[in-house]
N, C-alpha and C. Protein backbone atom coordinates (compact mmCIF):
# COMPACT_ATOMS: atom_id res chain seq x y z
N UNK A 1 -153.72 98.80 26.56
CA UNK A 1 -154.00 98.03 25.35
C UNK A 1 -155.50 97.76 25.27
N UNK A 2 -156.08 98.11 24.15
CA UNK A 2 -157.52 97.95 23.96
C UNK A 2 -157.85 96.49 23.69
N UNK A 3 -158.98 96.07 24.20
CA UNK A 3 -159.42 94.70 23.93
C UNK A 3 -160.21 94.68 22.62
N UNK A 4 -160.20 93.51 21.97
CA UNK A 4 -160.90 93.37 20.70
C UNK A 4 -162.22 92.64 20.92
N UNK A 5 -163.18 93.02 20.14
CA UNK A 5 -164.45 92.30 20.17
C UNK A 5 -164.27 91.00 19.39
N UNK A 6 -165.21 90.10 19.55
CA UNK A 6 -165.17 88.84 18.82
C UNK A 6 -165.20 89.09 17.32
N UNK A 7 -165.99 90.04 16.88
CA UNK A 7 -166.07 90.36 15.45
C UNK A 7 -164.74 90.88 14.93
N UNK A 8 -164.06 91.70 15.73
CA UNK A 8 -162.75 92.22 15.32
C UNK A 8 -161.72 91.08 15.23
N UNK A 9 -161.78 90.16 16.18
CA UNK A 9 -160.85 89.02 16.14
C UNK A 9 -161.10 88.16 14.90
N UNK A 10 -162.38 87.93 14.58
CA UNK A 10 -162.70 87.15 13.38
C UNK A 10 -162.20 87.85 12.12
N UNK A 11 -162.37 89.16 12.06
CA UNK A 11 -161.90 89.92 10.90
C UNK A 11 -160.38 89.86 10.79
N UNK A 12 -159.69 89.94 11.93
CA UNK A 12 -158.23 89.83 11.94
C UNK A 12 -157.79 88.44 11.48
N UNK A 13 -158.50 87.40 11.92
CA UNK A 13 -158.18 86.04 11.48
C UNK A 13 -158.36 85.89 9.97
N UNK A 14 -159.37 86.52 9.40
CA UNK A 14 -159.58 86.46 7.95
C UNK A 14 -158.38 87.06 7.22
N UNK A 15 -157.87 88.15 7.74
CA UNK A 15 -156.72 88.81 7.11
C UNK A 15 -155.51 87.89 7.12
N UNK A 16 -155.34 87.13 8.19
CA UNK A 16 -154.20 86.24 8.28
C UNK A 16 -154.27 85.10 7.29
N UNK A 17 -155.44 84.73 6.83
CA UNK A 17 -155.59 83.63 5.90
C UNK A 17 -156.13 84.12 4.57
N UNK A 18 -155.35 84.96 3.92
CA UNK A 18 -155.69 85.48 2.60
C UNK A 18 -154.71 84.87 1.60
N UNK A 19 -155.18 83.98 0.77
CA UNK A 19 -154.31 83.24 -0.15
C UNK A 19 -153.60 84.15 -1.15
N UNK A 20 -154.06 85.39 -1.28
CA UNK A 20 -153.38 86.32 -2.17
C UNK A 20 -152.13 86.92 -1.53
N UNK A 21 -151.97 86.71 -0.23
CA UNK A 21 -150.77 87.17 0.45
C UNK A 21 -149.68 86.13 0.26
N UNK A 22 -148.49 86.56 -0.08
CA UNK A 22 -147.40 85.66 -0.44
C UNK A 22 -147.09 84.63 0.63
N UNK A 23 -147.08 85.02 1.89
CA UNK A 23 -146.68 84.10 2.96
C UNK A 23 -147.85 83.44 3.68
N UNK A 24 -149.03 83.51 3.10
CA UNK A 24 -150.20 82.95 3.75
C UNK A 24 -150.17 81.42 3.73
N UNK A 25 -150.39 80.78 4.88
CA UNK A 25 -150.41 79.32 4.91
C UNK A 25 -151.48 78.71 4.01
N UNK A 26 -152.58 79.43 3.81
CA UNK A 26 -153.63 78.88 2.94
C UNK A 26 -153.15 78.77 1.50
N UNK A 27 -152.20 79.61 1.11
CA UNK A 27 -151.64 79.51 -0.24
C UNK A 27 -150.88 78.20 -0.39
N UNK A 28 -150.15 77.82 0.64
CA UNK A 28 -149.42 76.55 0.62
C UNK A 28 -150.40 75.39 0.55
N UNK A 29 -151.49 75.50 1.28
CA UNK A 29 -152.51 74.45 1.25
C UNK A 29 -153.14 74.34 -0.14
N UNK A 30 -153.43 75.47 -0.76
CA UNK A 30 -153.98 75.45 -2.12
C UNK A 30 -153.00 74.81 -3.09
N UNK A 31 -151.73 75.09 -2.91
CA UNK A 31 -150.71 74.47 -3.76
C UNK A 31 -150.74 72.96 -3.61
N UNK A 32 -150.87 72.50 -2.39
CA UNK A 32 -150.93 71.06 -2.11
C UNK A 32 -152.19 70.45 -2.73
N UNK A 33 -153.33 71.04 -2.45
CA UNK A 33 -154.60 70.50 -2.92
C UNK A 33 -154.68 70.50 -4.45
N UNK A 34 -153.99 71.44 -5.07
CA UNK A 34 -154.01 71.54 -6.53
C UNK A 34 -153.15 70.51 -7.23
N UNK A 35 -152.41 69.74 -6.49
CA UNK A 35 -151.54 68.72 -7.09
C UNK A 35 -152.38 67.58 -7.67
N UNK A 36 -152.00 67.12 -8.85
CA UNK A 36 -152.74 66.01 -9.47
C UNK A 36 -152.67 64.76 -8.60
N UNK A 37 -151.53 64.54 -7.94
CA UNK A 37 -151.39 63.33 -7.12
C UNK A 37 -152.29 63.40 -5.90
N UNK A 38 -152.39 64.57 -5.29
CA UNK A 38 -153.28 64.73 -4.13
C UNK A 38 -154.71 64.45 -4.54
N UNK A 39 -155.13 65.02 -5.64
CA UNK A 39 -156.49 64.80 -6.13
C UNK A 39 -156.76 63.32 -6.34
N UNK A 40 -155.85 62.63 -7.01
CA UNK A 40 -156.06 61.22 -7.31
C UNK A 40 -156.00 60.35 -6.05
N UNK A 41 -155.14 60.68 -5.11
CA UNK A 41 -155.08 59.92 -3.85
C UNK A 41 -156.37 60.10 -3.07
N UNK A 42 -156.85 61.33 -2.96
CA UNK A 42 -158.08 61.57 -2.21
C UNK A 42 -159.26 60.83 -2.83
N UNK A 43 -159.37 60.86 -4.15
CA UNK A 43 -160.47 60.15 -4.81
C UNK A 43 -160.31 58.64 -4.61
N UNK A 44 -159.08 58.14 -4.67
CA UNK A 44 -158.83 56.72 -4.44
C UNK A 44 -159.27 56.30 -3.04
N UNK A 45 -159.02 57.15 -2.05
CA UNK A 45 -159.37 56.81 -0.67
C UNK A 45 -160.84 57.08 -0.35
N UNK A 46 -161.57 57.63 -1.30
CA UNK A 46 -162.98 57.95 -1.04
C UNK A 46 -163.83 56.71 -0.80
N UNK A 47 -163.36 55.56 -1.29
CA UNK A 47 -164.12 54.32 -1.10
C UNK A 47 -163.74 53.58 0.18
N UNK A 48 -162.80 54.13 0.94
CA UNK A 48 -162.41 53.49 2.20
C UNK A 48 -160.91 53.30 2.31
N UNK A 49 -160.52 52.64 3.37
CA UNK A 49 -159.13 52.41 3.70
C UNK A 49 -158.42 51.61 2.61
N UNK A 50 -157.19 52.00 2.31
CA UNK A 50 -156.38 51.31 1.31
C UNK A 50 -154.95 51.17 1.80
N UNK A 51 -154.32 50.10 1.37
CA UNK A 51 -152.89 49.92 1.63
C UNK A 51 -152.10 50.68 0.57
N UNK A 52 -150.84 50.96 0.89
CA UNK A 52 -149.96 51.69 -0.01
C UNK A 52 -149.97 51.05 -1.41
N UNK A 53 -149.78 49.73 -1.47
CA UNK A 53 -149.70 49.04 -2.76
C UNK A 53 -151.01 49.16 -3.54
N UNK A 54 -152.13 49.20 -2.85
CA UNK A 54 -153.42 49.35 -3.52
C UNK A 54 -153.57 50.75 -4.11
N UNK A 55 -153.12 51.74 -3.34
CA UNK A 55 -153.18 53.12 -3.84
C UNK A 55 -152.30 53.25 -5.09
N UNK A 56 -151.10 52.72 -4.99
CA UNK A 56 -150.15 52.82 -6.11
C UNK A 56 -150.70 52.11 -7.35
N UNK A 57 -151.32 50.96 -7.17
CA UNK A 57 -151.89 50.22 -8.30
C UNK A 57 -153.05 50.99 -8.94
N UNK A 58 -153.76 51.74 -8.14
CA UNK A 58 -154.92 52.50 -8.63
C UNK A 58 -154.51 53.75 -9.41
N UNK A 59 -153.28 54.23 -9.17
CA UNK A 59 -152.83 55.48 -9.79
C UNK A 59 -151.60 55.20 -10.66
N UNK A 60 -151.81 54.74 -11.88
CA UNK A 60 -150.66 54.47 -12.75
C UNK A 60 -149.85 55.74 -12.99
N UNK A 61 -148.54 55.57 -13.01
CA UNK A 61 -147.66 56.70 -13.31
C UNK A 61 -147.09 57.39 -12.10
N UNK A 62 -147.66 57.16 -10.92
CA UNK A 62 -147.11 57.80 -9.73
C UNK A 62 -145.90 57.00 -9.26
N UNK A 63 -144.80 57.70 -9.00
CA UNK A 63 -143.61 57.01 -8.52
C UNK A 63 -143.75 56.73 -7.03
N UNK A 64 -142.96 55.80 -6.53
CA UNK A 64 -142.99 55.51 -5.09
C UNK A 64 -142.66 56.75 -4.29
N UNK A 65 -141.65 57.48 -4.73
CA UNK A 65 -141.22 58.70 -4.03
C UNK A 65 -142.35 59.73 -3.97
N UNK A 66 -143.01 59.95 -5.12
CA UNK A 66 -144.08 60.96 -5.16
C UNK A 66 -145.28 60.52 -4.34
N UNK A 67 -145.63 59.25 -4.38
CA UNK A 67 -146.76 58.76 -3.59
C UNK A 67 -146.45 58.88 -2.11
N UNK A 68 -145.24 58.51 -1.71
CA UNK A 68 -144.85 58.62 -0.30
C UNK A 68 -144.90 60.06 0.16
N UNK A 69 -144.37 60.99 -0.65
CA UNK A 69 -144.41 62.41 -0.30
C UNK A 69 -145.84 62.91 -0.19
N UNK A 70 -146.67 62.50 -1.12
CA UNK A 70 -148.07 62.94 -1.13
C UNK A 70 -148.80 62.43 0.10
N UNK A 71 -148.62 61.16 0.43
CA UNK A 71 -149.27 60.59 1.61
C UNK A 71 -148.80 61.29 2.89
N UNK A 72 -147.51 61.56 2.99
CA UNK A 72 -147.00 62.25 4.18
C UNK A 72 -147.57 63.66 4.30
N UNK A 73 -147.65 64.36 3.19
CA UNK A 73 -148.21 65.72 3.20
C UNK A 73 -149.67 65.69 3.63
N UNK A 74 -150.43 64.77 3.06
CA UNK A 74 -151.85 64.67 3.41
C UNK A 74 -152.04 64.28 4.88
N UNK A 75 -151.18 63.42 5.37
CA UNK A 75 -151.25 63.05 6.79
C UNK A 75 -150.89 64.25 7.67
N UNK A 76 -149.85 64.97 7.30
CA UNK A 76 -149.43 66.16 8.07
C UNK A 76 -150.55 67.21 8.12
N UNK A 77 -151.26 67.36 7.00
CA UNK A 77 -152.34 68.34 6.93
C UNK A 77 -153.63 67.85 7.57
N UNK A 78 -153.65 66.61 8.05
CA UNK A 78 -154.83 66.08 8.72
C UNK A 78 -155.92 65.60 7.79
N UNK A 79 -155.58 65.39 6.51
CA UNK A 79 -156.59 64.98 5.55
C UNK A 79 -156.71 63.47 5.44
N UNK A 80 -155.64 62.75 5.79
CA UNK A 80 -155.70 61.29 5.84
C UNK A 80 -155.07 60.82 7.15
N UNK A 81 -155.40 59.61 7.53
CA UNK A 81 -154.75 59.00 8.69
C UNK A 81 -154.01 57.75 8.22
N UNK A 82 -152.98 57.42 8.95
CA UNK A 82 -152.13 56.26 8.64
C UNK A 82 -152.17 55.34 9.83
N UNK A 83 -152.52 54.08 9.60
CA UNK A 83 -152.58 53.09 10.67
C UNK A 83 -151.61 51.96 10.35
N UNK A 84 -150.67 51.72 11.29
CA UNK A 84 -149.69 50.66 11.13
C UNK A 84 -150.10 49.50 12.02
N UNK A 85 -150.24 48.32 11.43
CA UNK A 85 -150.57 47.11 12.17
C UNK A 85 -149.31 46.25 12.24
N UNK A 86 -148.82 45.97 13.46
CA UNK A 86 -147.56 45.22 13.59
C UNK A 86 -147.72 43.72 13.31
N UNK A 87 -147.81 43.40 12.04
CA UNK A 87 -147.88 42.01 11.61
C UNK A 87 -146.62 41.71 10.81
N UNK A 88 -146.48 40.49 10.34
CA UNK A 88 -145.35 40.16 9.47
C UNK A 88 -145.92 39.80 8.10
N UNK A 89 -145.69 40.60 7.08
CA UNK A 89 -145.03 41.90 7.13
C UNK A 89 -145.94 42.96 7.75
N UNK A 90 -145.35 44.09 8.08
CA UNK A 90 -146.12 45.19 8.68
C UNK A 90 -147.18 45.66 7.69
N UNK A 91 -148.36 45.92 8.20
CA UNK A 91 -149.47 46.40 7.36
C UNK A 91 -149.70 47.88 7.66
N UNK A 92 -149.73 48.69 6.61
CA UNK A 92 -150.00 50.12 6.75
C UNK A 92 -151.21 50.47 5.91
N UNK A 93 -152.21 51.05 6.56
CA UNK A 93 -153.43 51.46 5.87
C UNK A 93 -153.60 52.96 5.94
N UNK A 94 -154.16 53.51 4.88
CA UNK A 94 -154.44 54.95 4.80
C UNK A 94 -155.93 55.12 4.58
N UNK A 95 -156.48 56.15 5.24
CA UNK A 95 -157.89 56.46 5.01
C UNK A 95 -158.13 57.94 5.23
N UNK A 96 -159.21 58.43 4.66
CA UNK A 96 -159.57 59.83 4.82
C UNK A 96 -160.00 60.10 6.25
N UNK A 97 -159.64 61.27 6.75
CA UNK A 97 -160.16 61.73 8.03
C UNK A 97 -161.49 62.44 7.76
N UNK A 98 -162.16 62.86 8.83
CA UNK A 98 -163.39 63.63 8.64
C UNK A 98 -163.10 64.90 7.84
N UNK A 99 -161.98 65.55 8.15
CA UNK A 99 -161.59 66.76 7.42
C UNK A 99 -161.33 66.43 5.95
N UNK A 100 -160.65 65.33 5.69
CA UNK A 100 -160.39 64.92 4.31
C UNK A 100 -161.65 64.65 3.53
N UNK A 101 -162.65 64.07 4.20
CA UNK A 101 -163.92 63.79 3.52
C UNK A 101 -164.63 65.08 3.12
N UNK A 102 -164.42 66.17 3.86
CA UNK A 102 -165.06 67.44 3.49
C UNK A 102 -164.50 67.99 2.18
N UNK A 103 -163.34 67.52 1.78
CA UNK A 103 -162.71 67.98 0.54
C UNK A 103 -163.16 67.17 -0.67
N UNK A 104 -163.81 66.04 -0.45
CA UNK A 104 -164.20 65.18 -1.57
C UNK A 104 -165.16 65.85 -2.55
N UNK A 105 -166.12 66.59 -2.07
CA UNK A 105 -167.08 67.26 -2.97
C UNK A 105 -166.37 68.17 -3.97
N UNK A 106 -165.59 69.13 -3.48
CA UNK A 106 -164.87 70.00 -4.43
C UNK A 106 -163.89 69.24 -5.33
N UNK A 107 -163.20 68.25 -4.78
CA UNK A 107 -162.23 67.49 -5.58
C UNK A 107 -162.95 66.70 -6.67
N UNK A 108 -164.04 66.03 -6.32
CA UNK A 108 -164.79 65.27 -7.32
C UNK A 108 -165.37 66.20 -8.39
N UNK A 109 -165.84 67.36 -7.97
CA UNK A 109 -166.39 68.32 -8.93
C UNK A 109 -165.31 68.79 -9.90
N UNK A 110 -164.12 69.06 -9.40
CA UNK A 110 -163.02 69.49 -10.26
C UNK A 110 -162.60 68.37 -11.21
N UNK A 111 -162.52 67.15 -10.70
CA UNK A 111 -162.17 65.99 -11.53
C UNK A 111 -163.21 65.79 -12.63
N UNK A 112 -164.48 65.86 -12.28
CA UNK A 112 -165.56 65.71 -13.27
C UNK A 112 -165.51 66.82 -14.31
N UNK A 113 -165.29 68.05 -13.84
CA UNK A 113 -165.19 69.18 -14.76
C UNK A 113 -164.08 68.95 -15.77
N UNK A 114 -162.92 68.51 -15.29
CA UNK A 114 -161.77 68.26 -16.18
C UNK A 114 -162.11 67.18 -17.20
N UNK A 115 -162.72 66.09 -16.75
CA UNK A 115 -163.05 65.00 -17.66
C UNK A 115 -164.10 65.42 -18.69
N UNK A 116 -165.11 66.17 -18.26
CA UNK A 116 -166.19 66.59 -19.16
C UNK A 116 -165.74 67.63 -20.17
N UNK A 117 -164.82 68.49 -19.76
CA UNK A 117 -164.41 69.60 -20.62
C UNK A 117 -163.12 69.35 -21.39
N UNK A 118 -162.56 68.18 -21.27
CA UNK A 118 -161.30 67.90 -21.96
C UNK A 118 -161.41 68.04 -23.47
N UNK A 119 -162.50 67.64 -24.12
CA UNK A 119 -162.58 67.87 -25.58
C UNK A 119 -162.49 69.36 -25.94
N UNK A 120 -163.15 70.22 -25.17
CA UNK A 120 -163.08 71.66 -25.43
C UNK A 120 -161.67 72.20 -25.17
N UNK A 121 -161.04 71.72 -24.11
CA UNK A 121 -159.69 72.15 -23.78
C UNK A 121 -158.72 71.70 -24.87
N UNK A 122 -158.88 70.47 -25.35
CA UNK A 122 -158.02 69.96 -26.42
C UNK A 122 -158.13 70.82 -27.69
N UNK A 123 -159.37 71.16 -28.04
CA UNK A 123 -159.58 72.01 -29.23
C UNK A 123 -158.96 73.39 -29.02
N UNK A 124 -159.11 73.95 -27.85
CA UNK A 124 -158.53 75.26 -27.57
C UNK A 124 -157.00 75.20 -27.64
N UNK A 125 -156.42 74.13 -27.12
CA UNK A 125 -154.96 73.97 -27.18
C UNK A 125 -154.48 73.85 -28.62
N UNK A 126 -155.19 73.04 -29.39
CA UNK A 126 -154.80 72.88 -30.80
C UNK A 126 -154.88 74.20 -31.54
N UNK A 127 -155.94 74.95 -31.32
CA UNK A 127 -156.10 76.25 -31.98
C UNK A 127 -154.99 77.20 -31.56
N UNK A 128 -154.69 77.23 -30.29
CA UNK A 128 -153.63 78.10 -29.78
C UNK A 128 -152.28 77.71 -30.37
N UNK A 129 -151.98 76.39 -30.35
CA UNK A 129 -150.69 75.91 -30.84
C UNK A 129 -150.53 76.20 -32.33
N UNK A 130 -151.59 76.03 -33.12
CA UNK A 130 -151.46 76.30 -34.56
C UNK A 130 -151.34 77.80 -34.80
N UNK A 131 -152.03 78.62 -34.05
CA UNK A 131 -151.93 80.07 -34.16
C UNK A 131 -150.55 80.53 -33.72
N UNK A 132 -150.05 79.95 -32.63
CA UNK A 132 -148.74 80.32 -32.08
C UNK A 132 -147.64 79.96 -33.07
N UNK A 133 -147.75 78.79 -33.71
CA UNK A 133 -146.70 78.40 -34.67
C UNK A 133 -146.74 79.30 -35.90
N UNK A 134 -147.94 79.74 -36.33
CA UNK A 134 -148.04 80.67 -37.46
C UNK A 134 -147.43 82.01 -37.09
N UNK A 135 -147.71 82.47 -35.84
CA UNK A 135 -147.19 83.77 -35.39
C UNK A 135 -145.67 83.76 -35.33
N UNK A 136 -145.09 82.65 -34.89
CA UNK A 136 -143.63 82.61 -34.76
C UNK A 136 -142.95 82.53 -36.13
N UNK A 137 -143.64 81.97 -37.13
CA UNK A 137 -143.06 81.92 -38.48
C UNK A 137 -143.11 83.28 -39.14
N UNK A 138 -144.09 84.12 -38.77
CA UNK A 138 -144.24 85.43 -39.38
C UNK A 138 -143.18 86.42 -38.90
N UNK A 139 -142.56 86.14 -37.77
CA UNK A 139 -141.56 87.10 -37.25
C UNK A 139 -140.20 86.85 -37.78
């Protein structure tokens, strides 16, 4: 069996993490990161540690179930940490890990892009919807 050089091993590792491959773990990570709830939770935690109730209050519309699932996923992926303090009642705090903080730049940029370009997106949607409704009436 031939041995691989370091460069060959790095190239092989790149192949294993190709998001265009159906079973690639990075595709699952992109799916997670692309979630609106993940984006909003990460931005909420960018200012520091927060309790569950504080996160939920900051993100109107998120259900308890969805927030719990999102926090568990982020913790599993190493993007946030969860600290339980045994008090009465029990206190649970969430905060970004070092790895989670590295994601803030891209997440904030995407959030800003969405907010800045929403008027253009709205106009494009309206134009598409009016064109689509005219097309469906013509058939």
